[in-house]
């Protein structure tokens, strides 16, 4: 049981660290992450017959 508790604690710590990393991202990177999630979820919504609109980013100057 002690091993299970340490594994759960490790998972919660990793989750907190990931959230902190995501929160520290600049705003444009957060928007890109949202678009990536939209792209990943789109096939599921299409399969359920729900309309999907994925945001588009303007072309970058880089």
N, C-alpha and C. Protein backbone atom coordinates (compact mmCIF):
# COMPACT_ATOMS: atom_id res chain seq x y z
N UNK A 1 0.83 -1.19 0.00
CA UNK A 1 0.00 0.00 0.00
C UNK A 1 0.87 1.25 0.00
N UNK A 2 2.00 1.18 0.69
CA UNK A 2 2.90 2.33 0.75
C UNK A 2 3.44 2.67 -0.64
N UNK A 3 3.71 1.63 -1.43
CA UNK A 3 4.19 1.84 -2.80
C UNK A 3 3.13 2.55 -3.65
N UNK A 4 1.88 2.17 -3.46
CA UNK A 4 0.78 2.78 -4.18
C UNK A 4 0.66 4.27 -3.81
N UNK A 5 0.77 4.58 -2.54
CA UNK A 5 0.70 5.96 -2.09
C UNK A 5 1.84 6.80 -2.68
N UNK A 6 3.03 6.24 -2.72
CA UNK A 6 4.16 6.99 -3.29
C UNK A 6 3.97 7.20 -4.79
N UNK A 7 3.37 6.23 -5.47
CA UNK A 7 3.10 6.39 -6.90
C UNK A 7 2.04 7.46 -7.14
N UNK A 8 1.01 7.46 -6.32
CA UNK A 8 -0.03 8.48 -6.44
C UNK A 8 0.56 9.86 -6.18
N UNK A 9 1.40 9.97 -5.17
CA UNK A 9 2.04 11.25 -4.87
C UNK A 9 2.91 11.70 -6.04
N UNK A 10 3.63 10.76 -6.66
CA UNK A 10 4.48 11.09 -7.81
C UNK A 10 3.63 11.61 -8.96
N UNK A 11 2.47 10.99 -9.19
CA UNK A 11 1.58 11.42 -10.27
C UNK A 11 1.02 12.82 -10.01
N UNK A 12 0.61 13.08 -8.78
CA UNK A 12 0.10 14.41 -8.45
C UNK A 12 1.19 15.48 -8.59
N UNK A 13 2.41 15.15 -8.18
CA UNK A 13 3.52 16.09 -8.31
C UNK A 13 3.80 16.38 -9.79
N UNK A 14 3.80 15.35 -10.60
CA UNK A 14 4.03 15.53 -12.04
C UNK A 14 2.92 16.38 -12.66
N UNK A 15 1.69 16.17 -12.21
CA UNK A 15 0.56 16.95 -12.72
C UNK A 15 0.73 18.42 -12.36
N UNK A 16 1.11 18.71 -11.13
CA UNK A 16 1.33 20.09 -10.70
C UNK A 16 2.44 20.75 -11.50
N UNK A 17 3.52 20.00 -11.74
CA UNK A 17 4.65 20.54 -12.50
C UNK A 17 4.24 20.83 -13.94
N UNK A 18 3.46 19.94 -14.54
CA UNK A 18 3.00 20.16 -15.91
C UNK A 18 2.11 21.40 -15.99
N UNK A 19 1.21 21.53 -15.03
CA UNK A 19 0.33 22.70 -15.00
C UNK A 19 1.13 23.99 -14.87
N UNK A 20 2.17 23.97 -14.05
CA UNK A 20 3.01 25.15 -13.89
C UNK A 20 3.74 25.48 -15.19
N UNK A 21 4.24 24.45 -15.88
CA UNK A 21 4.92 24.68 -17.17
C UNK A 21 3.96 25.26 -18.19
N UNK A 22 2.74 24.73 -18.26
CA UNK A 22 1.75 25.23 -19.20
C UNK A 22 1.34 26.66 -18.86
N UNK A 23 1.19 26.96 -17.58
CA UNK A 23 0.81 28.31 -17.16
C UNK A 23 1.89 29.32 -17.51
N UNK A 24 3.15 28.89 -17.54
CA UNK A 24 4.26 29.79 -17.81
C UNK A 24 4.45 30.05 -19.31
N UNK A 25 3.75 29.30 -20.15
CA UNK A 25 3.91 29.50 -21.60
C UNK A 25 3.42 30.89 -22.01
N UNK A 26 4.05 31.46 -23.04
CA UNK A 26 3.53 32.72 -23.57
C UNK A 26 2.16 32.48 -24.22
N UNK A 27 1.36 33.54 -24.29
CA UNK A 27 -0.01 33.41 -24.79
C UNK A 27 -0.08 32.75 -26.17
N UNK A 28 0.76 33.14 -27.15
CA UNK A 28 0.66 32.48 -28.47
C UNK A 28 0.86 30.96 -28.41
N UNK A 29 1.72 30.51 -27.50
CA UNK A 29 1.93 29.07 -27.37
C UNK A 29 0.70 28.39 -26.76
N UNK A 30 0.02 29.08 -25.87
CA UNK A 30 -1.20 28.53 -25.28
C UNK A 30 -2.28 28.39 -26.35
N UNK A 31 -2.38 29.38 -27.24
CA UNK A 31 -3.36 29.31 -28.33
C UNK A 31 -3.03 28.14 -29.24
N UNK A 32 -1.75 27.94 -29.55
CA UNK A 32 -1.36 26.81 -30.40
C UNK A 32 -1.73 25.48 -29.73
N UNK A 33 -1.61 25.41 -28.41
CA UNK A 33 -1.97 24.19 -27.69
C UNK A 33 -3.48 23.94 -27.79
N UNK A 34 -4.27 25.01 -27.69
CA UNK A 34 -5.73 24.87 -27.82
C UNK A 34 -6.09 24.37 -29.22
N UNK A 35 -5.44 24.92 -30.23
CA UNK A 35 -5.71 24.50 -31.61
C UNK A 35 -5.35 23.03 -31.80
N UNK A 36 -4.25 22.62 -31.22
CA UNK A 36 -3.85 21.21 -31.33
C UNK A 36 -4.91 20.31 -30.67
N UNK A 37 -5.44 20.73 -29.50
CA UNK A 37 -6.49 19.94 -28.85
C UNK A 37 -7.75 19.91 -29.71
N UNK A 38 -8.08 21.04 -30.36
CA UNK A 38 -9.25 21.07 -31.24
C UNK A 38 -9.08 20.07 -32.39
N UNK A 39 -7.88 20.03 -32.95
CA UNK A 39 -7.60 19.10 -34.05
C UNK A 39 -7.72 17.65 -33.59
N UNK A 40 -7.27 17.38 -32.37
CA UNK A 40 -7.34 16.02 -31.84
C UNK A 40 -8.78 15.61 -31.56
N UNK A 41 -9.61 16.54 -31.10
CA UNK A 41 -10.99 16.23 -30.73
C UNK A 41 -11.94 16.23 -31.92
N UNK A 42 -11.57 16.90 -33.01
CA UNK A 42 -12.46 17.05 -34.16
C UNK A 42 -13.02 15.73 -34.68
N UNK A 43 -12.20 14.69 -34.88
CA UNK A 43 -12.77 13.43 -35.39
C UNK A 43 -13.85 12.84 -34.47
N UNK A 44 -13.68 13.01 -33.17
CA UNK A 44 -14.69 12.49 -32.24
C UNK A 44 -16.01 13.25 -32.39
N UNK A 45 -15.92 14.57 -32.51
CA UNK A 45 -17.13 15.36 -32.68
C UNK A 45 -17.79 15.07 -34.03
N UNK A 46 -16.99 14.94 -35.07
CA UNK A 46 -17.54 14.61 -36.39
C UNK A 46 -18.28 13.28 -36.34
N UNK A 47 -17.70 12.30 -35.65
CA UNK A 47 -18.32 10.98 -35.56
C UNK A 47 -19.66 11.04 -34.83
N UNK A 48 -19.82 12.02 -33.96
CA UNK A 48 -21.08 12.19 -33.22
C UNK A 48 -22.05 13.11 -33.94
N UNK A 49 -21.64 13.59 -35.13
CA UNK A 49 -22.51 14.46 -35.90
C UNK A 49 -22.55 15.90 -35.42
N UNK A 50 -21.56 16.28 -34.64
CA UNK A 50 -21.52 17.64 -34.12
C UNK A 50 -20.66 18.52 -35.02
N UNK A 51 -21.07 19.76 -35.25
CA UNK A 51 -20.27 20.65 -36.08
C UNK A 51 -18.97 21.04 -35.35
N UNK A 52 -17.93 21.16 -36.12
CA UNK A 52 -16.61 21.48 -35.56
C UNK A 52 -16.00 22.61 -36.36
N UNK A 53 -15.46 23.57 -35.65
CA UNK A 53 -14.71 24.65 -36.30
C UNK A 53 -13.40 24.81 -35.55
N UNK A 54 -12.31 24.51 -36.23
CA UNK A 54 -10.98 24.63 -35.64
C UNK A 54 -10.44 26.02 -35.95
N UNK A 55 -9.92 26.69 -34.94
CA UNK A 55 -9.36 28.01 -35.14
C UNK A 55 -8.23 27.95 -36.15
N UNK A 56 -8.05 29.03 -36.85
CA UNK A 56 -6.93 29.14 -37.79
C UNK A 56 -6.01 30.25 -37.33
N UNK A 57 -4.73 30.01 -37.44
CA UNK A 57 -3.74 31.03 -37.12
C UNK A 57 -3.38 31.77 -38.39
N UNK A 58 -3.19 33.08 -38.29
CA UNK A 58 -2.71 33.79 -39.47
C UNK A 58 -1.28 33.34 -39.78
N UNK A 59 -0.88 33.42 -41.05
CA UNK A 59 0.49 33.02 -41.39
C UNK A 59 1.50 33.85 -40.59
N UNK A 60 2.53 33.19 -40.13
CA UNK A 60 3.56 33.91 -39.35
C UNK A 60 4.57 34.53 -40.30
N UNK A 61 5.22 35.59 -39.83
CA UNK A 61 6.22 36.28 -40.63
C UNK A 61 7.58 35.60 -40.55
N UNK A 62 7.71 34.60 -39.70
CA UNK A 62 9.01 33.96 -39.49
C UNK A 62 9.41 33.07 -40.63
